[in-house]
Amino acid sequence: MDIDILEKIEYTKEGILSKDIMNKSGLDISLFCMAKNTSISDHTSAKKAIVYVIEGDGIFNLKGKDILMKPGKIICMDKNALHNLKAKENTSFLLVLFPYINK
């Protein structure tokens, strides 16, 4: 598989655009493109996850702690960790959900 993720980034005037990049053997990779001033309210993930910020500027709140979303930032989340997001500018990131690991 050969994917140029930068070519897949696009923004709507408002809201969030998500694209499935890969779903193989329980590994899920999605691209999220959040328009400026868009937010995602508190929620949890059923799997361990990594967020990799590609471009933009925002705040990722993980279990009550604000983390700046800047290009190149990697955010690691445990299963069921409460989090929310707010894009100050158009912001894109990859969300990688890992298969269930019993450890």
C-alpha atoms as a PDB file:
ATOM      1  CA  MET A   1       0.000   0.000   0.000  1.00  0.00           C
ATOM      2  CA  ASP A   2       1.315   3.437  -0.957  1.00  0.00           C
ATOM      3  CA  ILE A   3      -0.617   6.499   0.237  1.00  0.00           C
ATOM      4  CA  ASP A   4       0.259  10.193   0.057  1.00  0.00           C
ATOM      5  CA  ILE A   5      -1.698  11.401   3.054  1.00  0.00           C
ATOM      6  CA  LEU A   6      -1.111  15.087   2.229  1.00  0.00           C
ATOM      7  CA  GLU A   7      -3.055  14.650  -1.008  1.00  0.00           C
ATOM      8  CA  LYS A   8      -6.069  13.400   0.977  1.00  0.00           C
ATOM      9  CA  ILE A   9      -6.341  16.467   3.233  1.00  0.00           C
ATOM     10  CA  GLU A  10      -9.331  18.697   2.485  1.00  0.00           C
ATOM     11  CA  TYR A  11     -11.444  20.977   4.630  1.00  0.00           C
ATOM     12  CA  THR A  12     -15.098  21.914   4.592  1.00  0.00           C
ATOM     13  CA  LYS A  13     -16.186  25.469   5.506  1.00  0.00           C
ATOM     14  CA  GLU A  14     -17.228  24.129   8.898  1.00  0.00           C
ATOM     15  CA  GLY A  15     -17.333  20.774  10.580  1.00  0.00           C
ATOM     16  CA  ILE A  16     -15.215  17.661  10.306  1.00  0.00           C
ATOM     17  CA  LEU A  17     -14.328  15.443   7.385  1.00  0.00           C
ATOM     18  CA  SER A  18     -13.025  11.942   8.142  1.00  0.00           C
ATOM     19  CA  LYS A  19     -11.593   9.428   5.699  1.00  0.00           C
ATOM     20  CA  ASP A  20     -10.793   5.768   6.316  1.00  0.00           C
ATOM     21  CA  ILE A  21      -7.201   5.158   5.285  1.00  0.00           C
ATOM     22  CA  MET A  22      -6.731   1.542   6.396  1.00  0.00           C
ATOM     23  CA  ASN A  23      -8.622  -1.179   8.223  1.00  0.00           C
ATOM     24  CA  LYS A  24      -6.569  -4.341   8.351  1.00  0.00           C
ATOM     25  CA  SER A  25      -6.326  -7.015  11.043  1.00  0.00           C
ATOM     26  CA  GLY A  26      -7.966  -4.741  13.596  1.00  0.00           C
ATOM     27  CA  LEU A  27      -5.628  -1.808  12.889  1.00  0.00           C
ATOM     28  CA  ASP A  28      -7.740   1.219  11.940  1.00  0.00           C
ATOM     29  CA  ILE A  29      -6.207   4.396  10.504  1.00  0.00           C
ATOM     30  CA  SER A  30      -8.385   7.412   9.777  1.00  0.00           C
ATOM     31  CA  LEU A  31      -7.631  10.929   8.581  1.00  0.00           C
ATOM     32  CA  PHE A  32      -9.560  13.729  10.293  1.00  0.00           C
ATOM     33  CA  CYS A  33      -9.755  17.232   8.821  1.00  0.00           C
ATOM     34  CA  MET A  34     -11.296  19.736  11.249  1.00  0.00           C
ATOM     35  CA  ALA A  35     -12.342  23.148   9.967  1.00  0.00           C
ATOM     36  CA  LYS A  36     -11.263  26.223  11.922  1.00  0.00           C
ATOM     37  CA  ASN A  37     -13.224  26.688  15.187  1.00  0.00           C
ATOM     38  CA  THR A  38     -14.646  23.152  15.065  1.00  0.00           C
ATOM     39  CA  SER A  39     -14.740  21.016  18.190  1.00  0.00           C
ATOM     40  CA  ILE A  40     -15.362  17.412  19.159  1.00  0.00           C
ATOM     41  CA  SER A  41     -16.996  17.025  22.579  1.00  0.00           C
ATOM     42  CA  ASP A  42     -15.921  14.625  25.337  1.00  0.00           C
ATOM     43  CA  HIS A  43     -15.793  10.986  24.267  1.00  0.00           C
ATOM     44  CA  THR A  44     -13.735   7.826  24.759  1.00  0.00           C
ATOM     45  CA  SER A  45     -12.176   5.223  22.500  1.00  0.00           C
ATOM     46  CA  ALA A  46     -12.754   1.483  22.843  1.00  0.00           C
ATOM     47  CA  LYS A  47      -9.112   0.865  21.822  1.00  0.00           C
ATOM     48  CA  LYS A  48      -5.639   2.209  22.533  1.00  0.00           C
ATOM     49  CA  ALA A  49      -4.859   4.991  20.081  1.00  0.00           C
ATOM     50  CA  ILE A  50      -2.306   7.408  18.723  1.00  0.00           C
ATOM     51  CA  VAL A  51      -3.099  10.804  17.234  1.00  0.00           C
ATOM     52  CA  TYR A  52      -0.484  12.226  14.836  1.00  0.00           C
ATOM     53  CA  VAL A  53      -1.000  15.908  13.985  1.00  0.00           C
ATOM     54  CA  ILE A  54      -0.208  16.664  10.343  1.00  0.00           C
ATOM     55  CA  GLU A  55      -1.046  20.368  10.154  1.00  0.00           C
ATOM     56  CA  GLY A  56      -2.935  23.087  11.963  1.00  0.00           C
ATOM     57  CA  ASP A  57      -3.334  24.461  15.441  1.00  0.00           C
ATOM     58  CA  GLY A  58      -5.640  23.235  18.161  1.00  0.00           C
ATOM     59  CA  ILE A  59      -6.099  21.886  21.660  1.00  0.00           C
ATOM     60  CA  PHE A  60      -6.440  18.205  22.486  1.00  0.00           C
ATOM     61  CA  ASN A  61      -7.713  17.699  26.022  1.00  0.00           C
ATOM     62  CA  LEU A  62      -6.774  14.261  27.366  1.00  0.00           C
ATOM     63  CA  LYS A  63      -8.125  13.356  30.804  1.00  0.00           C
ATOM     64  CA  GLY A  64      -8.333  17.038  31.769  1.00  0.00           C
ATOM     65  CA  LYS A  65      -4.882  18.031  30.446  1.00  0.00           C
ATOM     66  CA  ASP A  66      -4.601  20.397  27.462  1.00  0.00           C
ATOM     67  CA  ILE A  67      -2.092  19.351  24.796  1.00  0.00           C
ATOM     68  CA  LEU A  68      -1.211  21.703  21.935  1.00  0.00           C
ATOM     69  CA  MET A  69      -1.977  20.223  18.522  1.00  0.00           C
ATOM     70  CA  LYS A  70       0.917  21.353  16.327  1.00  0.00           C
ATOM     71  CA  PRO A  71       2.380  19.631  13.240  1.00  0.00           C
ATOM     72  CA  GLY A  72       4.454  16.605  14.200  1.00  0.00           C
ATOM     73  CA  LYS A  73       2.865  16.141  17.648  1.00  0.00           C
ATOM     74  CA  ILE A  74       2.074  12.557  18.686  1.00  0.00           C
ATOM     75  CA  ILE A  75      -0.542  11.989  21.395  1.00  0.00           C
ATOM     76  CA  CYS A  76      -0.901   8.520  22.943  1.00  0.00           C
ATOM     77  CA  MET A  77      -4.193   7.464  24.519  1.00  0.00           C
ATOM     78  CA  ASP A  78      -5.125   4.491  26.635  1.00  0.00           C
ATOM     79  CA  LYS A  79      -8.349   2.617  26.030  1.00  0.00           C
ATOM     80  CA  ASN A  80     -11.377   4.463  27.487  1.00  0.00           C
ATOM     81  CA  ALA A  81      -9.436   7.720  28.055  1.00  0.00           C
ATOM     82  CA  LEU A  82     -11.793  10.717  28.096  1.00  0.00           C
ATOM     83  CA  HIS A  83     -10.765  13.358  25.543  1.00  0.00           C
ATOM     84  CA  ASN A  84     -12.018  16.258  23.416  1.00  0.00           C
ATOM     85  CA  LEU A  85     -10.599  18.488  20.681  1.00  0.00           C
ATOM     86  CA  LYS A  86     -10.861  22.069  19.424  1.00  0.00           C
ATOM     87  CA  ALA A  87      -9.334  23.325  16.180  1.00  0.00           C
ATOM     88  CA  LYS A  88      -8.177  26.964  16.345  1.00  0.00           C
ATOM     89  CA  GLU A  89      -7.205  26.771  12.657  1.00  0.00           C
ATOM     90  CA  ASN A  90      -7.860  24.151   9.973  1.00  0.00           C
ATOM     91  CA  THR A  91      -6.293  21.068  11.553  1.00  0.00           C
ATOM     92  CA  SER A  92      -5.680  17.566  10.234  1.00  0.00           C
ATOM     93  CA  PHE A  93      -4.492  14.462  12.044  1.00  0.00           C
ATOM     94  CA  LEU A  94      -4.247  10.720  11.718  1.00  0.00           C
ATOM     95  CA  LEU A  95      -6.033   8.583  14.283  1.00  0.00           C
ATOM     96  CA  VAL A  96      -4.526   5.112  14.665  1.00  0.00           C
ATOM     97  CA  LEU A  97      -6.610   2.609  16.652  1.00  0.00           C
ATOM     98  CA  PHE A  98      -4.767  -0.519  17.682  1.00  0.00           C
ATOM     99  CA  PRO A  99      -6.211  -4.046  17.809  1.00  0.00           C
ATOM    100  CA  TYR A 100      -7.211  -5.218  21.245  1.00  0.00           C
ATOM    101  CA  ILE A 101      -4.171  -6.358  23.207  1.00  0.00           C
ATOM    102  CA  ASN A 102      -4.804  -8.151  26.480  1.00  0.00           C
ATOM    103  CA  LYS A 103      -1.885  -6.757  28.511  1.00  0.00           C
END
